[in-house]
Amino acid sequence: MAKKEQLDPETEALIAWCIEVEKHLVAGGATLEQAQEHIEEEVEWFTDQFYEGLTPEEAAKAALNG
């Protein structure tokens, strides 16, 4: 059985934040697949938004309006 990789708390927080952004993107009209794809394609931009302190809702709104 493969050993589960341990993530540092900061990476875990970023992943949890992206999951919340994804929910807001879906609520804004994107499909789940579209939301996931967009986050993957713009991962650097979303990471910057995370470190700048935007809430998941604020980041999703910016992504939907941008």
N, C-alpha and C. Protein backbone atom coordinates (compact mmCIF):
# COMPACT_ATOMS: atom_id res chain seq x y z
N MET A 1 0.84 -1.17 0.00
CA MET A 1 0.00 0.00 0.00
C MET A 1 0.89 1.24 0.00
N ALA A 2 0.56 2.20 -0.84
CA ALA A 2 1.35 3.42 -0.94
C ALA A 2 1.19 4.28 0.31
N LYS A 3 2.28 4.89 0.69
CA LYS A 3 2.26 5.77 1.86
C LYS A 3 1.68 7.12 1.44
N LYS A 4 0.75 7.63 2.23
CA LYS A 4 0.12 8.91 1.92
C LYS A 4 1.12 10.04 2.16
N GLU A 5 1.26 10.90 1.15
CA GLU A 5 2.19 12.02 1.25
C GLU A 5 1.63 13.06 2.23
N GLN A 6 2.48 13.54 3.11
CA GLN A 6 2.08 14.57 4.07
C GLN A 6 2.26 15.94 3.43
N LEU A 7 1.24 16.77 3.51
CA LEU A 7 1.33 18.13 3.01
C LEU A 7 1.54 19.08 4.17
N ASP A 8 2.27 20.16 3.90
CA ASP A 8 2.46 21.13 4.96
C ASP A 8 1.14 21.90 5.16
N PRO A 9 0.96 22.49 6.33
CA PRO A 9 -0.31 23.17 6.64
C PRO A 9 -0.67 24.28 5.65
N GLU A 10 0.33 24.96 5.14
CA GLU A 10 0.07 26.05 4.18
C GLU A 10 -0.51 25.50 2.87
N THR A 11 0.05 24.39 2.40
CA THR A 11 -0.46 23.76 1.18
C THR A 11 -1.87 23.22 1.40
N GLU A 12 -2.11 22.64 2.56
CA GLU A 12 -3.45 22.16 2.88
C GLU A 12 -4.44 23.31 2.89
N ALA A 13 -4.04 24.45 3.44
CA ALA A 13 -4.91 25.62 3.49
C ALA A 13 -5.21 26.14 2.09
N LEU A 14 -4.21 26.15 1.22
CA LEU A 14 -4.40 26.58 -0.16
C LEU A 14 -5.37 25.65 -0.90
N ILE A 15 -5.22 24.36 -0.71
CA ILE A 15 -6.12 23.40 -1.36
C ILE A 15 -7.55 23.59 -0.87
N ALA A 16 -7.71 23.74 0.43
CA ALA A 16 -9.05 23.95 0.99
C ALA A 16 -9.65 25.24 0.45
N TRP A 17 -8.84 26.27 0.33
CA TRP A 17 -9.29 27.56 -0.21
C TRP A 17 -9.75 27.40 -1.66
N CYS A 18 -8.98 26.67 -2.46
CA CYS A 18 -9.34 26.43 -3.86
C CYS A 18 -10.65 25.65 -3.98
N ILE A 19 -10.87 24.72 -3.07
CA ILE A 19 -12.13 23.97 -3.08
C ILE A 19 -13.30 24.92 -2.82
N GLU A 20 -13.10 25.88 -1.94
CA GLU A 20 -14.15 26.87 -1.68
C GLU A 20 -14.36 27.77 -2.89
N VAL A 21 -13.28 28.17 -3.54
CA VAL A 21 -13.38 28.98 -4.76
C VAL A 21 -14.19 28.22 -5.80
N GLU A 22 -13.89 26.95 -5.95
CA GLU A 22 -14.58 26.09 -6.90
C GLU A 22 -16.09 26.13 -6.66
N LYS A 23 -16.50 26.03 -5.41
CA LYS A 23 -17.93 26.08 -5.06
C LYS A 23 -18.55 27.40 -5.49
N HIS A 24 -17.83 28.50 -5.29
CA HIS A 24 -18.35 29.81 -5.68
C HIS A 24 -18.41 29.96 -7.20
N LEU A 25 -17.45 29.38 -7.90
CA LEU A 25 -17.49 29.41 -9.37
C LEU A 25 -18.71 28.66 -9.88
N VAL A 26 -19.00 27.51 -9.28
CA VAL A 26 -20.17 26.73 -9.68
C VAL A 26 -21.45 27.51 -9.36
N ALA A 27 -21.48 28.14 -8.20
CA ALA A 27 -22.65 28.94 -7.84
C ALA A 27 -22.84 30.11 -8.81
N GLY A 28 -21.73 30.56 -9.40
CA GLY A 28 -21.78 31.66 -10.36
C GLY A 28 -22.12 31.23 -11.77
N GLY A 29 -22.34 29.93 -11.99
CA GLY A 29 -22.79 29.47 -13.30
C GLY A 29 -21.87 28.50 -14.02
N ALA A 30 -20.68 28.27 -13.51
CA ALA A 30 -19.77 27.33 -14.16
C ALA A 30 -20.16 25.89 -13.78
N THR A 31 -19.85 24.97 -14.65
CA THR A 31 -20.01 23.57 -14.27
C THR A 31 -18.83 23.21 -13.36
N LEU A 32 -18.95 22.11 -12.64
CA LEU A 32 -17.86 21.67 -11.78
C LEU A 32 -16.60 21.45 -12.61
N GLU A 33 -16.76 20.82 -13.77
CA GLU A 33 -15.60 20.57 -14.64
C GLU A 33 -14.96 21.88 -15.10
N GLN A 34 -15.77 22.86 -15.48
CA GLN A 34 -15.24 24.16 -15.91
C GLN A 34 -14.50 24.85 -14.77
N ALA A 35 -15.06 24.79 -13.57
CA ALA A 35 -14.44 25.43 -12.42
C ALA A 35 -13.08 24.79 -12.12
N GLN A 36 -13.04 23.46 -12.12
CA GLN A 36 -11.79 22.76 -11.85
C GLN A 36 -10.75 23.07 -12.91
N GLU A 37 -11.17 23.06 -14.16
CA GLU A 37 -10.25 23.32 -15.26
C GLU A 37 -9.69 24.74 -15.17
N HIS A 38 -10.56 25.69 -14.85
CA HIS A 38 -10.12 27.08 -14.76
C HIS A 38 -9.10 27.26 -13.63
N ILE A 39 -9.37 26.66 -12.49
CA ILE A 39 -8.43 26.76 -11.38
C ILE A 39 -7.09 26.13 -11.76
N GLU A 40 -7.13 24.99 -12.43
CA GLU A 40 -5.89 24.33 -12.85
C GLU A 40 -5.12 25.19 -13.84
N GLU A 41 -5.83 25.80 -14.79
CA GLU A 41 -5.16 26.61 -15.81
C GLU A 41 -4.60 27.91 -15.24
N GLU A 42 -5.24 28.44 -14.22
CA GLU A 42 -4.85 29.72 -13.62
C GLU A 42 -4.32 29.55 -12.21
N VAL A 43 -3.67 28.43 -11.95
CA VAL A 43 -3.24 28.11 -10.58
C VAL A 43 -2.33 29.19 -10.00
N GLU A 44 -1.46 29.78 -10.80
CA GLU A 44 -0.58 30.82 -10.27
C GLU A 44 -1.38 32.05 -9.85
N TRP A 45 -2.35 32.44 -10.66
CA TRP A 45 -3.19 33.59 -10.33
C TRP A 45 -3.97 33.34 -9.05
N PHE A 46 -4.57 32.15 -8.93
CA PHE A 46 -5.34 31.83 -7.73
C PHE A 46 -4.43 31.75 -6.50
N THR A 47 -3.23 31.22 -6.67
CA THR A 47 -2.30 31.18 -5.56
C THR A 47 -1.95 32.58 -5.09
N ASP A 48 -1.74 33.48 -6.04
CA ASP A 48 -1.48 34.88 -5.68
C ASP A 48 -2.64 35.47 -4.89
N GLN A 49 -3.86 35.19 -5.33
CA GLN A 49 -5.04 35.71 -4.65
C GLN A 49 -5.13 35.17 -3.22
N PHE A 50 -4.79 33.92 -3.05
CA PHE A 50 -4.77 33.30 -1.72
C PHE A 50 -3.80 34.04 -0.81
N TYR A 51 -2.58 34.27 -1.31
CA TYR A 51 -1.57 34.92 -0.48
C TYR A 51 -1.84 36.41 -0.28
N GLU A 52 -2.64 37.01 -1.17
CA GLU A 52 -3.01 38.41 -1.00
C GLU A 52 -4.16 38.56 -0.01
N GLY A 53 -4.73 37.44 0.42
CA GLY A 53 -5.75 37.48 1.45
C GLY A 53 -7.18 37.56 0.96
N LEU A 54 -7.42 37.34 -0.34
CA LEU A 54 -8.79 37.35 -0.83
C LEU A 54 -9.55 36.16 -0.26
N THR A 55 -10.82 36.36 -0.03
CA THR A 55 -11.66 35.24 0.38
C THR A 55 -11.93 34.41 -0.87
N PRO A 56 -12.34 33.16 -0.70
CA PRO A 56 -12.69 32.35 -1.87
C PRO A 56 -13.78 33.03 -2.71
N GLU A 57 -14.75 33.65 -2.05
CA GLU A 57 -15.82 34.33 -2.78
C GLU A 57 -15.28 35.50 -3.60
N GLU A 58 -14.39 36.28 -3.02
CA GLU A 58 -13.79 37.41 -3.74
C GLU A 58 -12.98 36.94 -4.94
N ALA A 59 -12.24 35.88 -4.76
CA ALA A 59 -11.42 35.35 -5.87
C ALA A 59 -12.31 34.80 -6.99
N ALA A 60 -13.39 34.12 -6.62
CA ALA A 60 -14.31 33.59 -7.62
C ALA A 60 -14.98 34.73 -8.39
N LYS A 61 -15.40 35.76 -7.69
CA LYS A 61 -16.02 36.92 -8.36
C LYS A 61 -15.04 37.56 -9.33
N ALA A 62 -13.79 37.72 -8.89
CA ALA A 62 -12.77 38.31 -9.77
C ALA A 62 -12.55 37.43 -11.00
N ALA A 63 -12.53 36.12 -10.81
CA ALA A 63 -12.33 35.20 -11.92
C ALA A 63 -13.52 35.24 -12.89
N LEU A 64 -14.72 35.32 -12.35
CA LEU A 64 -15.92 35.34 -13.19
C LEU A 64 -16.06 36.66 -13.95
N ASN A 65 -15.54 37.73 -13.37
CA ASN A 65 -15.64 39.05 -14.00
C ASN A 65 -14.45 39.38 -14.87
N GLY A 66 -13.42 38.54 -14.80
CA GLY A 66 -12.17 38.86 -15.51
C GLY A 66 -12.10 38.20 -16.81
